[in-house]
PDB file of all heavy atoms in Angstrom:
ATOM      1  N   PRO A   1       0.802  -1.234   0.000  1.00  0.00           N
ATOM      2  CA  PRO A   1       0.000   0.000   0.000  1.00  0.00           C
ATOM      3  C   PRO A   1       0.834   1.284   0.000  1.00  0.00           C
ATOM      4  O   PRO A   1       0.373   2.318  -0.462  1.00  0.00           O
ATOM      5  CB  PRO A   1      -0.827  -0.093   1.276  1.00  0.00           C
ATOM      6  CG  PRO A   1      -0.802  -1.524   1.663  1.00  0.00           C
ATOM      7  CD  PRO A   1       0.456  -2.111   1.102  1.00  0.00           C
ATOM      8  N   ARG A   2       2.055   1.210   0.487  1.00  0.00           N
ATOM      9  CA  ARG A   2       2.884   2.422   0.542  1.00  0.00           C
ATOM     10  C   ARG A   2       3.274   2.937  -0.839  1.00  0.00           C
ATOM     11  O   ARG A   2       3.564   4.118  -0.992  1.00  0.00           O
ATOM     12  CB  ARG A   2       4.147   2.169   1.359  1.00  0.00           C
ATOM     13  CG  ARG A   2       3.854   1.940   2.828  1.00  0.00           C
ATOM     14  CD  ARG A   2       5.119   1.621   3.563  1.00  0.00           C
ATOM     15  NE  ARG A   2       5.620   0.330   3.091  1.00  0.00           N
ATOM     16  CZ  ARG A   2       6.712  -0.265   3.521  1.00  0.00           C
ATOM     17  NH1 ARG A   2       7.451   0.320   4.439  1.00  0.00           N
ATOM     18  NH2 ARG A   2       7.083  -1.435   3.057  1.00  0.00           N
ATOM     19  N   GLY A   3       3.284   2.087  -1.840  1.00  0.00           N
ATOM     20  CA  GLY A   3       3.696   2.514  -3.170  1.00  0.00           C
ATOM     21  C   GLY A   3       2.557   2.680  -4.158  1.00  0.00           C
ATOM     22  O   GLY A   3       2.780   2.972  -5.328  1.00  0.00           O
ATOM     23  N   VAL A   4       1.334   2.524  -3.706  1.00  0.00           N
ATOM     24  CA  VAL A   4       0.182   2.557  -4.608  1.00  0.00           C
ATOM     25  C   VAL A   4      -0.195   3.998  -4.948  1.00  0.00           C
ATOM     26  O   VAL A   4      -0.424   4.813  -4.061  1.00  0.00           O
ATOM     27  CB  VAL A   4      -1.022   1.820  -3.975  1.00  0.00           C
ATOM     28  CG1 VAL A   4      -2.262   1.997  -4.831  1.00  0.00           C
ATOM     29  CG2 VAL A   4      -0.705   0.344  -3.800  1.00  0.00           C
ATOM     30  N   ARG A   5      -0.223   4.292  -6.238  1.00  0.00           N
ATOM     31  CA  ARG A   5      -0.663   5.615  -6.705  1.00  0.00           C
ATOM     32  C   ARG A   5      -2.049   5.556  -7.333  1.00  0.00           C
ATOM     33  O   ARG A   5      -2.765   6.547  -7.353  1.00  0.00           O
ATOM     34  CB  ARG A   5       0.307   6.171  -7.739  1.00  0.00           C
ATOM     35  CG  ARG A   5       1.631   6.550  -7.174  1.00  0.00           C
ATOM     36  CD  ARG A   5       2.466   7.218  -8.223  1.00  0.00           C
ATOM     37  NE  ARG A   5       3.778   7.538  -7.683  1.00  0.00           N
ATOM     38  CZ  ARG A   5       4.668   8.246  -8.316  1.00  0.00           C
ATOM     39  NH1 ARG A   5       4.404   8.697  -9.516  1.00  0.00           N
ATOM     40  NH2 ARG A   5       5.825   8.496  -7.760  1.00  0.00           N
ATOM     41  N   HIS A   6      -2.384   4.412  -7.905  1.00  0.00           N
ATOM     42  CA  HIS A   6      -3.649   4.263  -8.616  1.00  0.00           C
ATOM     43  C   HIS A   6      -4.334   2.984  -8.151  1.00  0.00           C
ATOM     44  O   HIS A   6      -3.670   1.981  -7.891  1.00  0.00           O
ATOM     45  CB  HIS A   6      -3.418   4.195 -10.126  1.00  0.00           C
ATOM     46  CG  HIS A   6      -2.661   5.371 -10.660  1.00  0.00           C
ATOM     47  ND1 HIS A   6      -3.218   6.612 -10.785  1.00  0.00           N
ATOM     48  CD2 HIS A   6      -1.379   5.487 -11.071  1.00  0.00           C
ATOM     49  CE1 HIS A   6      -2.320   7.450 -11.270  1.00  0.00           C
ATOM     50  NE2 HIS A   6      -1.183   6.786 -11.446  1.00  0.00           N
ATOM     51  N   ALA A   7      -5.638   3.036  -8.071  1.00  0.00           N
ATOM     52  CA  ALA A   7      -6.405   1.857  -7.680  1.00  0.00           C
ATOM     53  C   ALA A   7      -6.190   0.747  -8.708  1.00  0.00           C
ATOM     54  O   ALA A   7      -6.099   1.011  -9.917  1.00  0.00           O
ATOM     55  CB  ALA A   7      -7.883   2.204  -7.586  1.00  0.00           C
ATOM     56  N   LEU A   8      -6.087  -0.476  -8.225  1.00  0.00           N
ATOM     57  CA  LEU A   8      -5.844  -1.611  -9.116  1.00  0.00           C
ATOM     58  C   LEU A   8      -6.928  -1.728 -10.178  1.00  0.00           C
ATOM     59  O   LEU A   8      -6.642  -2.030 -11.332  1.00  0.00           O
ATOM     60  CB  LEU A   8      -5.736  -2.914  -8.314  1.00  0.00           C
ATOM     61  CG  LEU A   8      -5.407  -4.155  -9.134  1.00  0.00           C
ATOM     62  CD1 LEU A   8      -4.048  -4.011  -9.824  1.00  0.00           C
ATOM     63  CD2 LEU A   8      -5.430  -5.398  -8.272  1.00  0.00           C
ATOM     64  N   VAL A   9      -8.173  -1.470  -9.806  1.00  0.00           N
ATOM     65  CA  VAL A   9      -9.262  -1.587 -10.777  1.00  0.00           C
ATOM     66  C   VAL A   9      -9.062  -0.618 -11.944  1.00  0.00           C
ATOM     67  O   VAL A   9      -9.351  -0.951 -13.091  1.00  0.00           O
ATOM     68  CB  VAL A   9     -10.646  -1.390 -10.108  1.00  0.00           C
ATOM     69  CG1 VAL A   9     -10.827   0.035  -9.590  1.00  0.00           C
ATOM     70  CG2 VAL A   9     -11.761  -1.752 -11.074  1.00  0.00           C
ATOM     71  N   VAL A  10      -8.509   0.552 -11.688  1.00  0.00           N
ATOM     72  CA  VAL A  10      -8.247   1.522 -12.751  1.00  0.00           C
ATOM     73  C   VAL A  10      -7.130   1.007 -13.661  1.00  0.00           C
ATOM     74  O   VAL A  10      -7.239   1.072 -14.891  1.00  0.00           O
ATOM     75  CB  VAL A  10      -7.885   2.899 -12.157  1.00  0.00           C
ATOM     76  CG1 VAL A  10      -7.453   3.868 -13.246  1.00  0.00           C
ATOM     77  CG2 VAL A  10      -9.051   3.459 -11.369  1.00  0.00           C
ATOM     78  N   VAL A  11      -6.080   0.488 -13.071  1.00  0.00           N
ATOM     79  CA  VAL A  11      -4.963  -0.053 -13.851  1.00  0.00           C
ATOM     80  C   VAL A  11      -5.449  -1.208 -14.726  1.00  0.00           C
ATOM     81  O   VAL A  11      -5.123  -1.276 -15.924  1.00  0.00           O
ATOM     82  CB  VAL A  11      -3.822  -0.511 -12.917  1.00  0.00           C
ATOM     83  CG1 VAL A  11      -2.728  -1.216 -13.696  1.00  0.00           C
ATOM     84  CG2 VAL A  11      -3.263   0.668 -12.134  1.00  0.00           C
ATOM     85  N   LEU A  12      -6.232  -2.107 -14.161  1.00  0.00           N
ATOM     86  CA  LEU A  12      -6.730  -3.253 -14.928  1.00  0.00           C
ATOM     87  C   LEU A  12      -7.688  -2.825 -16.026  1.00  0.00           C
ATOM     88  O   LEU A  12      -7.632  -3.349 -17.151  1.00  0.00           O
ATOM     89  CB  LEU A  12      -7.403  -4.252 -13.986  1.00  0.00           C
ATOM     90  CG  LEU A  12      -6.493  -4.930 -12.967  1.00  0.00           C
ATOM     91  CD1 LEU A  12      -7.313  -5.793 -12.013  1.00  0.00           C
ATOM     92  CD2 LEU A  12      -5.411  -5.742 -13.653  1.00  0.00           C
ATOM     93  N   ALA A  13      -8.566  -1.875 -15.738  1.00  0.00           N
ATOM     94  CA  ALA A  13      -9.534  -1.414 -16.741  1.00  0.00           C
ATOM     95  C   ALA A  13      -8.827  -0.720 -17.902  1.00  0.00           C
ATOM     96  O   ALA A  13      -9.154  -0.963 -19.076  1.00  0.00           O
ATOM     97  CB  ALA A  13     -10.552  -0.481 -16.098  1.00  0.00           C
ATOM     98  N   LEU A  14      -7.852   0.136 -17.597  1.00  0.00           N
ATOM     99  CA  LEU A  14      -7.109   0.806 -18.671  1.00  0.00           C
ATOM    100  C   LEU A  14      -6.304  -0.190 -19.487  1.00  0.00           C
ATOM    101  O   LEU A  14      -6.205  -0.069 -20.718  1.00  0.00           O
ATOM    102  CB  LEU A  14      -6.198   1.885 -18.088  1.00  0.00           C
ATOM    103  CG  LEU A  14      -6.906   3.144 -17.610  1.00  0.00           C
ATOM    104  CD1 LEU A  14      -5.941   4.041 -16.866  1.00  0.00           C
ATOM    105  CD2 LEU A  14      -7.546   3.878 -18.778  1.00  0.00           C
ATOM    106  N   THR A  15      -5.738  -1.188 -18.839  1.00  0.00           N
ATOM    107  CA  THR A  15      -4.997  -2.217 -19.555  1.00  0.00           C
ATOM    108  C   THR A  15      -5.921  -3.000 -20.477  1.00  0.00           C
ATOM    109  O   THR A  15      -5.575  -3.277 -21.638  1.00  0.00           O
ATOM    110  CB  THR A  15      -4.283  -3.160 -18.567  1.00  0.00           C
ATOM    111  OG1 THR A  15      -3.409  -2.384 -17.745  1.00  0.00           O
ATOM    112  CG2 THR A  15      -3.491  -4.226 -19.291  1.00  0.00           C
ATOM    113  N   ALA A  16      -7.094  -3.334 -19.991  1.00  0.00           N
ATOM    114  CA  ALA A  16      -8.067  -4.053 -20.822  1.00  0.00           C
ATOM    115  C   ALA A  16      -8.471  -3.219 -22.032  1.00  0.00           C
ATOM    116  O   ALA A  16      -8.551  -3.729 -23.151  1.00  0.00           O
ATOM    117  CB  ALA A  16      -9.302  -4.419 -19.997  1.00  0.00           C
ATOM    118  N   CYS A  17      -8.696  -1.934 -21.828  1.00  0.00           N
ATOM    119  CA  CYS A  17      -9.052  -1.047 -22.942  1.00  0.00           C
ATOM    120  C   CYS A  17      -7.923  -0.975 -23.966  1.00  0.00           C
ATOM    121  O   CYS A  17      -8.167  -1.011 -25.175  1.00  0.00           O
ATOM    122  CB  CYS A  17      -9.381   0.349 -22.429  1.00  0.00           C
ATOM    123  SG  CYS A  17     -10.928   0.446 -21.506  1.00  0.00           S
ATOM    124  N   ALA A  18      -6.695  -0.878 -23.488  1.00  0.00           N
ATOM    125  CA  ALA A  18      -5.547  -0.801 -24.392  1.00  0.00           C
ATOM    126  C   ALA A  18      -5.412  -2.075 -25.212  1.00  0.00           C
ATOM    127  O   ALA A  18      -5.141  -2.020 -26.423  1.00  0.00           O
ATOM    128  CB  ALA A  18      -4.271  -0.541 -23.594  1.00  0.00           C
ATOM    129  N   VAL A  19      -5.602  -3.205 -24.584  1.00  0.00           N
ATOM    130  CA  VAL A  19      -5.513  -4.489 -25.301  1.00  0.00           C
ATOM    131  C   VAL A  19      -6.634  -4.592 -26.330  1.00  0.00           C
ATOM    132  O   VAL A  19      -6.417  -5.009 -27.468  1.00  0.00           O
ATOM    133  CB  VAL A  19      -5.534  -5.672 -24.311  1.00  0.00           C
ATOM    134  CG1 VAL A  19      -5.692  -6.996 -25.044  1.00  0.00           C
ATOM    135  CG2 VAL A  19      -4.253  -5.670 -23.476  1.00  0.00           C
ATOM    136  N   LEU A  20      -7.835  -4.178 -25.948  1.00  0.00           N
ATOM    137  CA  LEU A  20      -8.946  -4.192 -26.908  1.00  0.00           C
ATOM    138  C   LEU A  20      -8.700  -3.240 -28.070  1.00  0.00           C
ATOM    139  O   LEU A  20      -9.205  -3.452 -29.175  1.00  0.00           O
ATOM    140  CB  LEU A  20     -10.257  -3.841 -26.201  1.00  0.00           C
ATOM    141  CG  LEU A  20     -10.783  -4.911 -25.248  1.00  0.00           C
ATOM    142  CD1 LEU A  20     -11.954  -4.364 -24.437  1.00  0.00           C
ATOM    143  CD2 LEU A  20     -11.188  -6.157 -26.009  1.00  0.00           C
ATOM    144  N   ALA A  21      -7.911  -2.192 -27.824  1.00  0.00           N
ATOM    145  CA  ALA A  21      -7.577  -1.237 -28.881  1.00  0.00           C
ATOM    146  C   ALA A  21      -6.446  -1.739 -29.775  1.00  0.00           C
ATOM    147  O   ALA A  21      -6.105  -1.095 -30.753  1.00  0.00           O
ATOM    148  CB  ALA A  21      -7.200   0.105 -28.265  1.00  0.00           C
ATOM    149  N   GLY A  22      -5.853  -2.879 -29.416  1.00  0.00           N
ATOM    150  CA  GLY A  22      -4.876  -3.493 -30.295  1.00  0.00           C
ATOM    151  C   GLY A  22      -3.434  -3.471 -29.829  1.00  0.00           C
ATOM    152  O   GLY A  22      -2.550  -3.880 -30.582  1.00  0.00           O
ATOM    153  N   THR A  23      -3.166  -3.008 -28.612  1.00  0.00           N
ATOM    154  CA  THR A  23      -1.782  -3.027 -28.149  1.00  0.00           C
ATOM    155  C   THR A  23      -1.321  -4.468 -27.951  1.00  0.00           C
ATOM    156  O   THR A  23      -2.114  -5.346 -27.626  1.00  0.00           O
ATOM    157  CB  THR A  23      -1.613  -2.248 -26.837  1.00  0.00           C
ATOM    158  OG1 THR A  23      -2.389  -2.855 -25.822  1.00  0.00           O
ATOM    159  CG2 THR A  23      -2.013  -0.795 -26.999  1.00  0.00           C
ATOM    160  N   THR A  24      -0.021  -4.692 -28.156  1.00  0.00           N
ATOM    161  CA  THR A  24       0.487  -6.061 -28.070  1.00  0.00           C
ATOM    162  C   THR A  24       1.682  -6.202 -27.136  1.00  0.00           C
ATOM    163  O   THR A  24       2.287  -7.266 -27.074  1.00  0.00           O
ATOM    164  CB  THR A  24       0.885  -6.580 -29.463  1.00  0.00           C
ATOM    165  OG1 THR A  24       1.850  -5.686 -30.024  1.00  0.00           O
ATOM    166  CG2 THR A  24      -0.329  -6.671 -30.382  1.00  0.00           C
ATOM    167  N   SER A  25       2.039  -5.129 -26.426  1.00  0.00           N
ATOM    168  CA  SER A  25       3.158  -5.220 -25.494  1.00  0.00           C
ATOM    169  C   SER A  25       2.887  -4.318 -24.296  1.00  0.00           C
ATOM    170  O   SER A  25       2.042  -3.422 -24.356  1.00  0.00           O
ATOM    171  CB  SER A  25       4.466  -4.800 -26.163  1.00  0.00           C
ATOM    172  OG  SER A  25       4.456  -3.402 -26.422  1.00  0.00           O
ATOM    173  N   LEU A  26       3.633  -4.545 -23.227  1.00  0.00           N
ATOM    174  CA  LEU A  26       3.477  -3.719 -22.042  1.00  0.00           C
ATOM    175  C   LEU A  26       3.853  -2.266 -22.344  1.00  0.00           C
ATOM    176  O   LEU A  26       3.193  -1.336 -21.884  1.00  0.00           O
ATOM    177  CB  LEU A  26       4.328  -4.271 -20.896  1.00  0.00           C
ATOM    178  CG  LEU A  26       4.145  -3.630 -19.540  1.00  0.00           C
ATOM    179  CD1 LEU A  26       2.693  -3.648 -19.105  1.00  0.00           C
ATOM    180  CD2 LEU A  26       5.018  -4.309 -18.509  1.00  0.00           C
ATOM    181  N   LEU A  27       4.876  -2.077 -23.148  1.00  0.00           N
ATOM    182  CA  LEU A  27       5.272  -0.722 -23.545  1.00  0.00           C
ATOM    183  C   LEU A  27       4.137  -0.033 -24.308  1.00  0.00           C
ATOM    184  O   LEU A  27       3.817   1.131 -24.056  1.00  0.00           O
ATOM    185  CB  LEU A  27       6.537  -0.760 -24.392  1.00  0.00           C
ATOM    186  CG  LEU A  27       7.027   0.585 -24.928  1.00  0.00           C
ATOM    187  CD1 LEU A  27       7.375   1.520 -23.787  1.00  0.00           C
ATOM    188  CD2 LEU A  27       8.221   0.379 -25.837  1.00  0.00           C
ATOM    189  N   ALA A  28       3.512  -0.753 -25.223  1.00  0.00           N
ATOM    190  CA  ALA A  28       2.412  -0.195 -26.006  1.00  0.00           C
ATOM    191  C   ALA A  28       1.220   0.142 -25.116  1.00  0.00           C
ATOM    192  O   ALA A  28       0.546   1.146 -25.332  1.00  0.00           O
ATOM    193  CB  ALA A  28       2.006  -1.155 -27.112  1.00  0.00           C
ATOM    194  N   VAL A  29       0.968  -0.689 -24.111  1.00  0.00           N
ATOM    195  CA  VAL A  29      -0.111  -0.403 -23.165  1.00  0.00           C
ATOM    196  C   VAL A  29       0.196   0.905 -22.437  1.00  0.00           C
ATOM    197  O   VAL A  29      -0.669   1.785 -22.315  1.00  0.00           O
ATOM    198  CB  VAL A  29      -0.304  -1.555 -22.141  1.00  0.00           C
ATOM    199  CG1 VAL A  29      -1.224  -1.133 -21.017  1.00  0.00           C
ATOM    200  CG2 VAL A  29      -0.853  -2.795 -22.841  1.00  0.00           C
ATOM    201  N   GLY A  30       1.415   1.068 -21.961  1.00  0.00           N
ATOM    202  CA  GLY A  30       1.799   2.288 -21.261  1.00  0.00           C
ATOM    203  C   GLY A  30       1.657   3.516 -22.145  1.00  0.00           C
ATOM    204  O   GLY A  30       1.186   4.573 -21.706  1.00  0.00           O
ATOM    205  N   GLU A  31       2.056   3.399 -23.406  1.00  0.00           N
ATOM    206  CA  GLU A  31       1.925   4.518 -24.337  1.00  0.00           C
ATOM    207  C   GLU A  31       0.459   4.825 -24.616  1.00  0.00           C
ATOM    208  O   GLU A  31       0.066   5.983 -24.684  1.00  0.00           O
ATOM    209  CB  GLU A  31       2.657   4.201 -25.638  1.00  0.00           C
ATOM    210  CG  GLU A  31       4.164   4.176 -25.467  1.00  0.00           C
ATOM    211  CD  GLU A  31       4.892   3.680 -26.699  1.00  0.00           C
ATOM    212  OE1 GLU A  31       4.246   3.139 -27.635  1.00  0.00           O
ATOM    213  OE2 GLU A  31       6.131   3.817 -26.729  1.00  0.00           O
TER     214      GLU A  31
END
């Protein structure tokens, strides 16, 4: 908890959206 900046649900939801948009790598998800 000391290092958490964003709720896990937000991170997972944004990652899911990025994958659905066609990203294929962790770097692409971050971008």
